[in-house]
């Protein structure tokens, strides 16, 4: 999967899913301080090297589709039900489907 082939909205979802899965894995392994599953707009902006208003627009799209939720203002996490379908979609895109 080439990151250059992904849309910004897909990159945001991959980051949110990665953080959630890392958090769940660390909790399952009883890590004392697991990685936080929440991601801020600032973190997304820095990770993706995108303008803040672009990230905010993609976050709004994802929230409108009930794929992510907000634990507080400017802090987001992926909805568990959205993970499998998104990953299947990305896998299909990668396989030329």
C-alpha atoms as a PDB file:
ATOM      1  CA  UNK A   1       0.000   0.000   0.000  1.00  0.00           C
ATOM      2  CA  UNK A   2       1.604   3.230  -1.124  1.00  0.00           C
ATOM      3  CA  UNK A   3       0.733   6.246   1.060  1.00  0.00           C
ATOM      4  CA  UNK A   4       0.892   8.457  -2.036  1.00  0.00           C
ATOM      5  CA  UNK A   5      -2.106   6.554  -3.425  1.00  0.00           C
ATOM      6  CA  UNK A   6      -4.262   7.240  -0.361  1.00  0.00           C
ATOM      7  CA  UNK A   7      -6.657  10.124   0.112  1.00  0.00           C
ATOM      8  CA  UNK A   8      -6.271  12.310   3.196  1.00  0.00           C
ATOM      9  CA  UNK A   9      -9.463  10.865   4.685  1.00  0.00           C
ATOM     10  CA  UNK A  10      -8.030   7.352   4.323  1.00  0.00           C
ATOM     11  CA  UNK A  11      -4.780   8.395   5.977  1.00  0.00           C
ATOM     12  CA  UNK A  12      -6.717   9.883   8.893  1.00  0.00           C
ATOM     13  CA  UNK A  13      -8.634   6.631   9.315  1.00  0.00           C
ATOM     14  CA  UNK A  14      -5.440   4.562   9.203  1.00  0.00           C
ATOM     15  CA  UNK A  15      -3.914   6.681  11.960  1.00  0.00           C
ATOM     16  CA  UNK A  16      -7.028   6.462  14.120  1.00  0.00           C
ATOM     17  CA  UNK A  17      -7.330   2.699  13.603  1.00  0.00           C
ATOM     18  CA  UNK A  18      -3.640   2.176  14.331  1.00  0.00           C
ATOM     19  CA  UNK A  19      -3.855   4.082  17.581  1.00  0.00           C
ATOM     20  CA  UNK A  20      -6.948   2.169  18.691  1.00  0.00           C
ATOM     21  CA  UNK A  21      -5.429  -1.204  17.869  1.00  0.00           C
ATOM     22  CA  UNK A  22      -2.143  -0.298  19.590  1.00  0.00           C
ATOM     23  CA  UNK A  23      -4.090   0.813  22.661  1.00  0.00           C
ATOM     24  CA  UNK A  24      -6.135  -2.400  22.782  1.00  0.00           C
ATOM     25  CA  UNK A  25      -3.057  -4.578  22.315  1.00  0.00           C
ATOM     26  CA  UNK A  26      -1.187  -2.820  25.109  1.00  0.00           C
ATOM     27  CA  UNK A  27      -4.179  -3.078  27.435  1.00  0.00           C
ATOM     28  CA  UNK A  28      -4.502  -6.774  26.635  1.00  0.00           C
ATOM     29  CA  UNK A  29      -0.813  -7.234  27.428  1.00  0.00           C
ATOM     30  CA  UNK A  30      -1.383  -5.308  30.670  1.00  0.00           C
ATOM     31  CA  UNK A  31       1.011  -2.484  29.825  1.00  0.00           C
ATOM     32  CA  UNK A  32       1.172   0.016  32.658  1.00  0.00           C
ATOM     33  CA  UNK A  33       0.800   3.119  30.463  1.00  0.00           C
ATOM     34  CA  UNK A  34      -0.828   2.080  27.174  1.00  0.00           C
ATOM     35  CA  UNK A  35      -0.742   4.396  24.196  1.00  0.00           C
ATOM     36  CA  UNK A  36      -3.768   6.673  24.087  1.00  0.00           C
ATOM     37  CA  UNK A  37      -6.304   5.708  21.435  1.00  0.00           C
ATOM     38  CA  UNK A  38      -7.392   9.333  21.071  1.00  0.00           C
ATOM     39  CA  UNK A  39      -5.746  11.538  18.447  1.00  0.00           C
ATOM     40  CA  UNK A  40      -5.880  15.324  18.350  1.00  0.00           C
ATOM     41  CA  UNK A  41      -6.280  17.510  15.296  1.00  0.00           C
ATOM     42  CA  UNK A  42      -2.794  18.870  15.993  1.00  0.00           C
ATOM     43  CA  UNK A  43      -1.315  15.359  15.954  1.00  0.00           C
ATOM     44  CA  UNK A  44      -3.061  14.560  12.672  1.00  0.00           C
ATOM     45  CA  UNK A  45      -1.899  17.850  11.172  1.00  0.00           C
ATOM     46  CA  UNK A  46       1.693  17.138  12.178  1.00  0.00           C
ATOM     47  CA  UNK A  47       1.688  13.476  11.125  1.00  0.00           C
ATOM     48  CA  UNK A  48       0.127  14.129   7.741  1.00  0.00           C
ATOM     49  CA  UNK A  49       1.841  17.456   7.054  1.00  0.00           C
ATOM     50  CA  UNK A  50      -1.519  18.906   6.008  1.00  0.00           C
ATOM     51  CA  UNK A  51      -3.242  22.187   6.717  1.00  0.00           C
ATOM     52  CA  UNK A  52      -5.422  22.250   9.800  1.00  0.00           C
ATOM     53  CA  UNK A  53      -8.556  23.214   7.843  1.00  0.00           C
ATOM     54  CA  UNK A  54      -8.076  20.201   5.523  1.00  0.00           C
ATOM     55  CA  UNK A  55      -7.847  17.847   8.515  1.00  0.00           C
ATOM     56  CA  UNK A  56     -10.887  19.441  10.141  1.00  0.00           C
ATOM     57  CA  UNK A  57     -12.906  18.983   6.925  1.00  0.00           C
ATOM     58  CA  UNK A  58     -11.972  15.288   6.699  1.00  0.00           C
ATOM     59  CA  UNK A  59     -12.760  14.802  10.397  1.00  0.00           C
ATOM     60  CA  UNK A  60     -16.197  16.309   9.774  1.00  0.00           C
ATOM     61  CA  UNK A  61     -16.768  13.894   6.873  1.00  0.00           C
ATOM     62  CA  UNK A  62     -15.817  10.935   9.071  1.00  0.00           C
ATOM     63  CA  UNK A  63     -18.010  12.117  11.952  1.00  0.00           C
ATOM     64  CA  UNK A  64     -20.956  12.707   9.623  1.00  0.00           C
ATOM     65  CA  UNK A  65     -20.616   9.070   8.506  1.00  0.00           C
ATOM     66  CA  UNK A  66     -20.408   7.855  12.128  1.00  0.00           C
ATOM     67  CA  UNK A  67     -16.939   6.371  11.562  1.00  0.00           C
ATOM     68  CA  UNK A  68     -15.260   8.338  14.334  1.00  0.00           C
ATOM     69  CA  UNK A  69     -16.278   9.976  17.580  1.00  0.00           C
ATOM     70  CA  UNK A  70     -14.952  12.745  19.770  1.00  0.00           C
ATOM     71  CA  UNK A  71     -14.055  12.265  23.417  1.00  0.00           C
ATOM     72  CA  UNK A  72     -13.597  16.023  23.803  1.00  0.00           C
ATOM     73  CA  UNK A  73     -13.178  19.048  21.575  1.00  0.00           C
ATOM     74  CA  UNK A  74     -10.504  18.406  18.956  1.00  0.00           C
ATOM     75  CA  UNK A  75      -9.817  14.843  20.154  1.00  0.00           C
ATOM     76  CA  UNK A  76     -10.995  11.890  18.054  1.00  0.00           C
ATOM     77  CA  UNK A  77     -11.052   8.103  17.958  1.00  0.00           C
ATOM     78  CA  UNK A  78     -12.338   5.518  15.547  1.00  0.00           C
ATOM     79  CA  UNK A  79     -15.636   3.744  16.150  1.00  0.00           C
ATOM     80  CA  UNK A  80     -14.988   0.008  16.596  1.00  0.00           C
ATOM     81  CA  UNK A  81     -17.631  -0.938  14.015  1.00  0.00           C
ATOM     82  CA  UNK A  82     -15.795   1.058  11.338  1.00  0.00           C
ATOM     83  CA  UNK A  83     -12.466  -0.765  11.531  1.00  0.00           C
ATOM     84  CA  UNK A  84     -13.119  -4.008   9.616  1.00  0.00           C
ATOM     85  CA  UNK A  85     -15.109  -2.446   6.785  1.00  0.00           C
ATOM     86  CA  UNK A  86     -12.526   0.291   6.271  1.00  0.00           C
ATOM     87  CA  UNK A  87      -9.600  -2.158   6.254  1.00  0.00           C
ATOM     88  CA  UNK A  88     -11.457  -4.405   3.792  1.00  0.00           C
ATOM     89  CA  UNK A  89     -12.051  -1.403   1.539  1.00  0.00           C
ATOM     90  CA  UNK A  90      -8.374  -0.431   1.645  1.00  0.00           C
ATOM     91  CA  UNK A  91      -7.314  -4.027   1.003  1.00  0.00           C
ATOM     92  CA  UNK A  92      -9.621  -4.154  -2.020  1.00  0.00           C
ATOM     93  CA  UNK A  93      -8.241  -0.881  -3.298  1.00  0.00           C
ATOM     94  CA  UNK A  94      -4.708  -2.234  -2.908  1.00  0.00           C
ATOM     95  CA  UNK A  95      -5.652  -5.399  -4.830  1.00  0.00           C
ATOM     96  CA  UNK A  96      -7.163  -3.399  -7.675  1.00  0.00           C
ATOM     97  CA  UNK A  97     -10.781  -4.027  -6.735  1.00  0.00           C
END
